[in-house]
């Protein structure tokens, strides 16, 4: 994988903008394969609520890291870095170019820049935190994180218990803020990277997300969530769509309130994704229908 001819084309952006369709067209053009950088589509059991590519889309181009593990298994951004780099090496050795497509900023960052080697956390601390989460939920943990590491508190996805618990585990075991233990030193990868961001106007994106949520409900999202109820405390299920569905299924809110919350939280999630990717000056932004311009941009950088 050391060849300077090897290249990763990254297709990123918020949920619902049309990244999958674009990635498939580009993969067909360059005769290559797609690595999914989506922290929810990786789970076998989650289909409707994760807006996975359809069977028809999957049949057009080989996809990696979709339906990869069970919701009962733990999978971190560090795991993604290790597994995805190995897959990418195999693709690039055969095809020269590989495509990384998704909206999970932390996964993409891990793949492109790597993570620091954080101190090992004793298993007792991990178990203690997991028990606290299962008993009291995230609220107290978020308060602790804000006091002990306000810098990381500002950037962490506060709806993701796995990341909150991971940070607190390191803080409790080391006595130091999680943000201080991350050097921020980027690893050098042996391939060229072309980063393409896909965006839409806020109005169009929000309308698209609302329509997509309505379609998910029609396609059976509540039935899918009902089948996942026994796993609802797993970190894999702490995500938009399923959280709100569980509240309805437990009788805490009405169906109408659940769908309304899904739409609101989906919009907020897209906003956070957009904010994350906008910080990266190396991303060139396009609208999803600007395929010719995107292709021209990629070809220029390949040459």
Protein backbone atom coordinates (compact mmCIF):
# COMPACT_ATOMS: atom_id res chain seq x y z
CA UNK A 1 0.00 0.00 0.00
CA UNK A 2 3.01 2.29 -0.15
CA UNK A 3 2.45 3.41 -3.73
CA UNK A 4 1.88 7.12 -4.22
CA UNK A 5 -0.67 6.11 -6.88
CA UNK A 6 -2.99 4.80 -4.20
CA UNK A 7 -5.87 7.10 -3.36
CA UNK A 8 -8.86 7.27 -1.01
CA UNK A 9 -11.84 9.33 -2.16
CA UNK A 10 -13.82 10.39 0.92
CA UNK A 11 -17.53 11.19 0.45
CA UNK A 12 -18.82 12.84 3.64
CA UNK A 13 -21.55 15.14 4.88
CA UNK A 14 -24.72 15.09 6.99
CA UNK A 15 -27.32 12.36 6.93
CA UNK A 16 -29.85 12.40 4.10
CA UNK A 17 -27.89 14.38 1.49
CA UNK A 18 -27.39 11.59 -1.05
CA UNK A 19 -23.86 10.37 -0.28
CA UNK A 20 -24.64 6.72 -1.10
CA UNK A 21 -25.92 7.35 -4.65
CA UNK A 22 -22.91 9.53 -5.43
CA UNK A 23 -20.44 7.02 -3.99
CA UNK A 24 -21.97 4.23 -6.10
CA UNK A 25 -21.70 6.30 -9.30
CA UNK A 26 -18.06 7.14 -8.55
CA UNK A 27 -17.24 3.53 -7.63
CA UNK A 28 -18.72 2.37 -10.93
CA UNK A 29 -16.76 5.02 -12.85
CA UNK A 30 -13.44 4.14 -11.19
CA UNK A 31 -14.23 0.38 -11.08
CA UNK A 32 -13.67 0.15 -7.33
CA UNK A 33 -15.34 -0.63 -3.99
CA UNK A 34 -16.91 1.34 -1.14
CA UNK A 35 -16.01 1.24 2.56
CA UNK A 36 -18.90 2.46 4.71
CA UNK A 37 -18.02 5.00 7.41
CA UNK A 38 -21.39 4.82 9.14
CA UNK A 39 -21.40 3.90 12.83
CA UNK A 40 -24.94 2.43 12.66
CA UNK A 41 -25.12 0.70 9.27
CA UNK A 42 -22.34 -1.53 10.57
CA UNK A 43 -24.94 -3.45 12.66
CA UNK A 44 -26.70 -6.42 11.06
CA UNK A 45 -30.02 -6.02 12.88
CA UNK A 46 -30.53 -2.30 12.20
CA UNK A 47 -31.94 -1.72 8.73
CA UNK A 48 -34.86 0.68 8.42
CA UNK A 49 -33.76 3.19 11.06
CA UNK A 50 -30.21 3.43 9.72
CA UNK A 51 -31.24 4.16 6.10
CA UNK A 52 -28.97 1.37 4.85
CA UNK A 53 -28.35 1.12 1.10
CA UNK A 54 -31.03 -1.00 -0.57
CA UNK A 55 -30.27 -4.49 -1.89
CA UNK A 56 -30.36 -2.99 -5.38
CA UNK A 57 -27.73 -0.38 -4.43
CA UNK A 58 -25.58 -3.00 -2.70
CA UNK A 59 -25.72 -5.20 -5.81
CA UNK A 60 -24.27 -2.45 -8.02
CA UNK A 61 -20.98 -2.06 -6.17
CA UNK A 62 -19.20 -4.07 -3.48
CA UNK A 63 -19.68 -2.44 -0.05
CA UNK A 64 -17.60 -3.14 3.05
CA UNK A 65 -18.52 -2.72 6.75
CA UNK A 66 -22.28 -2.80 6.25
CA UNK A 67 -23.99 -5.59 8.23
CA UNK A 68 -20.57 -6.32 9.76
CA UNK A 69 -21.38 -7.07 13.43
CA UNK A 70 -24.30 -7.61 15.84
CA UNK A 71 -25.79 -4.87 18.02
CA UNK A 72 -24.57 -6.89 21.02
CA UNK A 73 -20.94 -6.38 20.01
CA UNK A 74 -18.83 -3.35 20.88
CA UNK A 75 -17.16 -1.53 18.00
CA UNK A 76 -15.15 1.64 18.57
CA UNK A 77 -13.71 4.23 16.23
CA UNK A 78 -10.33 2.65 16.98
CA UNK A 79 -11.68 -0.71 15.80
CA UNK A 80 -12.93 1.01 12.65
CA UNK A 81 -9.48 2.52 12.01
CA UNK A 82 -7.83 -0.90 12.23
CA UNK A 83 -10.39 -2.85 10.17
CA UNK A 84 -11.07 -0.20 7.52
CA UNK A 85 -7.37 0.44 6.85
CA UNK A 86 -6.84 -3.27 6.25
CA UNK A 87 -9.80 -3.39 3.83
CA UNK A 88 -8.61 -0.23 2.07
CA UNK A 89 -5.13 -1.70 1.59
CA UNK A 90 -6.63 -4.75 -0.11
CA UNK A 91 -8.82 -2.65 -2.41
CA UNK A 92 -6.02 -0.25 -3.37
CA UNK A 93 -3.59 -3.08 -4.09
CA UNK A 94 -6.10 -4.34 -6.67
CA UNK A 95 -7.79 -1.14 -7.85
CA UNK A 96 -5.46 1.78 -6.85
CA UNK A 97 -8.50 3.81 -5.72
CA UNK A 98 -10.96 3.11 -2.89
CA UNK A 99 -13.99 5.10 -1.73
CA UNK A 100 -14.80 5.84 1.92
CA UNK A 101 -18.39 7.03 2.31
CA UNK A 102 -20.34 8.04 5.40
CA UNK A 103 -21.40 10.63 7.92
CA UNK A 104 -19.60 9.42 11.05
CA UNK A 105 -16.98 12.11 11.48
CA UNK A 106 -15.09 10.25 14.19
CA UNK A 107 -14.78 7.13 12.01
CA UNK A 108 -13.45 9.18 9.09
CA UNK A 109 -11.05 11.05 11.38
CA UNK A 110 -9.81 7.74 12.83
CA UNK A 111 -9.23 6.32 9.35
CA UNK A 112 -7.39 9.36 8.00
CA UNK A 113 -5.51 10.61 11.07
CA UNK A 114 -5.48 7.81 13.65
CA UNK A 115 -5.96 7.95 17.40
CA UNK A 116 -3.57 8.37 20.27
CA UNK A 117 -2.64 5.30 22.31
CA UNK A 118 -4.66 6.07 25.43
CA UNK A 119 -3.80 4.49 28.81
CA UNK A 120 -5.31 1.08 29.58
CA UNK A 121 -8.41 1.33 31.78
CA UNK A 122 -8.95 -1.28 34.54
CA UNK A 123 -11.97 -3.48 33.82
CA UNK A 124 -13.49 -2.61 37.23
CA UNK A 125 -13.82 1.04 36.21
CA UNK A 126 -15.45 0.08 32.90
CA UNK A 127 -17.94 -2.20 34.71
CA UNK A 128 -18.63 0.49 37.32
CA UNK A 129 -19.44 3.08 34.64
CA UNK A 130 -21.60 0.64 32.67
CA UNK A 131 -23.60 -0.13 35.81
CA UNK A 132 -24.02 3.59 36.55
CA UNK A 133 -25.29 4.15 33.01
CA UNK A 134 -27.78 1.27 33.19
CA UNK A 135 -29.05 2.49 36.59
CA UNK A 136 -29.11 6.27 36.18
CA UNK A 137 -28.74 6.97 32.46
CA UNK A 138 -26.41 9.55 30.93
CA UNK A 139 -27.39 12.73 32.78
CA UNK A 140 -25.08 12.36 35.83
CA UNK A 141 -22.23 11.19 33.62
CA UNK A 142 -22.54 14.23 31.38
CA UNK A 143 -22.43 16.48 34.47
CA UNK A 144 -19.26 14.72 35.64
CA UNK A 145 -17.66 15.02 32.20
CA UNK A 146 -18.50 18.74 31.99
CA UNK A 147 -16.80 19.38 35.36
CA UNK A 148 -13.72 17.22 34.77
CA UNK A 149 -13.13 17.93 31.07
CA UNK A 150 -15.12 20.92 29.72
CA UNK A 151 -13.12 20.89 26.47
CA UNK A 152 -14.08 17.34 25.53
CA UNK A 153 -17.62 17.92 26.82
CA UNK A 154 -18.05 20.59 24.14
CA UNK A 155 -17.09 18.29 21.26
CA UNK A 156 -18.43 14.88 22.30
CA UNK A 157 -21.71 13.54 20.91
CA UNK A 158 -23.71 13.77 24.15
CA UNK A 159 -26.27 11.25 22.94
CA UNK A 160 -23.59 8.57 22.50
CA UNK A 161 -23.04 6.78 25.84
CA UNK A 162 -20.11 4.76 24.50
CA UNK A 163 -18.03 7.91 23.91
CA UNK A 164 -19.05 9.53 27.20
CA UNK A 165 -18.28 6.36 29.18
CA UNK A 166 -14.96 5.90 27.35
CA UNK A 167 -13.84 9.45 28.23
CA UNK A 168 -14.89 9.11 31.88
CA UNK A 169 -13.14 5.74 32.15
CA UNK A 170 -9.86 7.31 31.02
CA UNK A 171 -10.39 10.34 33.30
CA UNK A 172 -11.16 8.23 36.38
CA UNK A 173 -8.28 5.82 35.82
CA UNK A 174 -5.63 8.44 34.91
CA UNK A 175 -6.82 11.43 36.92
CA UNK A 176 -6.27 13.59 33.82
CA UNK A 177 -8.71 15.23 31.37
CA UNK A 178 -9.38 13.04 28.35
CA UNK A 179 -8.68 16.02 26.04
CA UNK A 180 -5.14 16.40 27.48
CA UNK A 181 -4.27 12.78 26.73
CA UNK A 182 -5.01 13.22 23.05
CA UNK A 183 -1.92 14.75 21.47
CA UNK A 184 -3.72 15.64 18.26
CA UNK A 185 -0.70 14.39 16.31
CA UNK A 186 -1.92 13.04 12.98
CA UNK A 187 -0.60 9.77 11.61
CA UNK A 188 0.81 9.83 8.09
CA UNK A 189 -1.05 7.52 5.74
CA UNK A 190 0.63 5.99 2.66
CA UNK A 191 -2.05 7.13 0.21
CA UNK A 192 -3.42 10.28 -1.34
CA UNK A 193 -6.74 11.59 0.05
CA UNK A 194 -9.42 13.54 -1.84
CA UNK A 195 -12.19 14.76 0.44
CA UNK A 196 -15.60 15.58 -1.05
CA UNK A 197 -18.32 17.10 1.15
CA UNK A 198 -21.95 16.82 0.07
CA UNK A 199 -24.34 19.50 1.29
CA UNK A 200 -27.83 20.86 0.72
CA UNK A 201 -29.54 24.05 1.82
CA UNK A 202 -30.98 23.76 5.32
CA UNK A 203 -34.56 23.98 4.06
CA UNK A 204 -34.11 21.23 1.44
CA UNK A 205 -32.18 18.96 3.83
CA UNK A 206 -34.75 19.29 6.63
CA UNK A 207 -37.60 18.60 4.21
CA UNK A 208 -35.72 15.53 2.91
CA UNK A 209 -35.12 14.26 6.46
CA UNK A 210 -38.79 14.72 7.38
CA UNK A 211 -39.89 12.77 4.31
CA UNK A 212 -37.34 10.04 5.00
CA UNK A 213 -38.59 9.63 8.59
CA UNK A 214 -42.18 9.33 7.34
CA UNK A 215 -41.04 6.62 4.90
CA UNK A 216 -39.20 4.78 7.70
CA UNK A 217 -42.38 4.72 9.79
CA UNK A 218 -44.36 3.40 6.79
CA UNK A 219 -41.67 0.76 6.16
CA UNK A 220 -41.96 -0.61 9.70
CA UNK A 221 -39.47 1.26 11.90
CA UNK A 222 -41.60 0.70 15.03
CA UNK A 223 -41.68 -3.06 14.40
CA UNK A 224 -37.91 -3.07 13.95
CA UNK A 225 -37.50 -1.12 17.20
CA UNK A 226 -39.90 -3.50 19.00
CA UNK A 227 -37.67 -6.43 17.97
CA UNK A 228 -34.66 -4.54 19.40
CA UNK A 229 -36.24 -3.67 22.78
CA UNK A 230 -34.20 -6.28 24.65
CA UNK A 231 -31.00 -4.56 23.45
CA UNK A 232 -32.16 -0.98 24.08
CA UNK A 233 -29.40 -0.30 26.66
CA UNK A 234 -26.63 -1.33 24.25
CA UNK A 235 -24.59 1.62 22.96
CA UNK A 236 -25.43 0.54 19.39
CA UNK A 237 -29.10 1.42 20.03
CA UNK A 238 -28.46 4.84 21.60
CA UNK A 239 -29.24 6.65 18.40
CA UNK A 240 -31.80 8.84 16.66
CA UNK A 241 -34.86 6.91 15.55
CA UNK A 242 -34.57 4.04 18.00
CA UNK A 243 -34.43 6.13 21.22
CA UNK A 244 -37.67 7.89 20.36
CA UNK A 245 -39.30 4.64 19.16
CA UNK A 246 -38.46 2.96 22.50
CA UNK A 247 -40.12 5.81 24.40
CA UNK A 248 -43.32 5.26 22.39
CA UNK A 249 -43.19 1.47 22.75
CA UNK A 250 -42.78 1.86 26.53
CA UNK A 251 -45.88 4.06 26.64
CA UNK A 252 -44.00 7.19 27.71
CA UNK A 253 -45.10 9.27 24.70
CA UNK A 254 -47.62 9.00 21.86
CA UNK A 255 -46.76 7.85 18.35
CA UNK A 256 -47.22 11.40 17.09
CA UNK A 257 -44.84 12.76 19.77
CA UNK A 258 -42.31 10.03 18.97
CA UNK A 259 -42.24 10.85 15.25
CA UNK A 260 -42.05 14.57 16.00
CA UNK A 261 -39.06 13.94 18.30
CA UNK A 262 -37.38 11.74 15.68
CA UNK A 263 -37.62 14.53 13.12
CA UNK A 264 -36.32 17.16 15.53
CA UNK A 265 -33.40 15.01 16.73
CA UNK A 266 -32.60 13.95 13.16
CA UNK A 267 -32.32 17.62 12.16
CA UNK A 268 -30.11 18.34 15.17
CA UNK A 269 -27.90 15.36 14.33
CA UNK A 270 -27.49 16.58 10.74
CA UNK A 271 -26.60 20.02 12.07
CA UNK A 272 -23.89 18.56 14.33
CA UNK A 273 -22.49 16.50 11.45
CA UNK A 274 -22.36 19.57 9.22
CA UNK A 275 -20.59 21.57 11.96
CA UNK A 276 -18.02 18.77 12.40
CA UNK A 277 -17.19 18.49 8.69
CA UNK A 278 -17.16 22.27 8.13
CA UNK A 279 -14.17 22.50 10.50
CA UNK A 280 -12.09 20.52 7.98
CA UNK A 281 -10.63 22.98 5.45
CA UNK A 282 -9.44 20.03 3.33
CA UNK A 283 -13.01 19.18 2.27
CA UNK A 284 -14.28 20.59 -1.03
CA UNK A 285 -18.07 21.01 -0.97
CA UNK A 286 -20.61 20.22 -3.68
CA UNK A 287 -24.32 19.62 -4.00
CA UNK A 288 -25.29 15.99 -4.72
CA UNK A 289 -26.45 16.76 -8.29
CA UNK A 290 -23.08 18.26 -9.29
CA UNK A 291 -21.67 14.91 -10.41
CA UNK A 292 -19.75 16.26 -13.42
CA UNK A 293 -18.04 18.93 -11.30
CA UNK A 294 -17.20 16.39 -8.62
CA UNK A 295 -15.72 14.01 -11.18
CA UNK A 296 -13.69 16.83 -12.75
CA UNK A 297 -12.38 17.84 -9.31
CA UNK A 298 -11.32 14.26 -8.51
CA UNK A 299 -9.63 13.75 -11.88
CA UNK A 300 -7.66 16.99 -11.47
CA UNK A 301 -6.38 15.86 -8.08
CA UNK A 302 -5.56 12.37 -9.31
CA UNK A 303 -3.39 13.90 -12.01
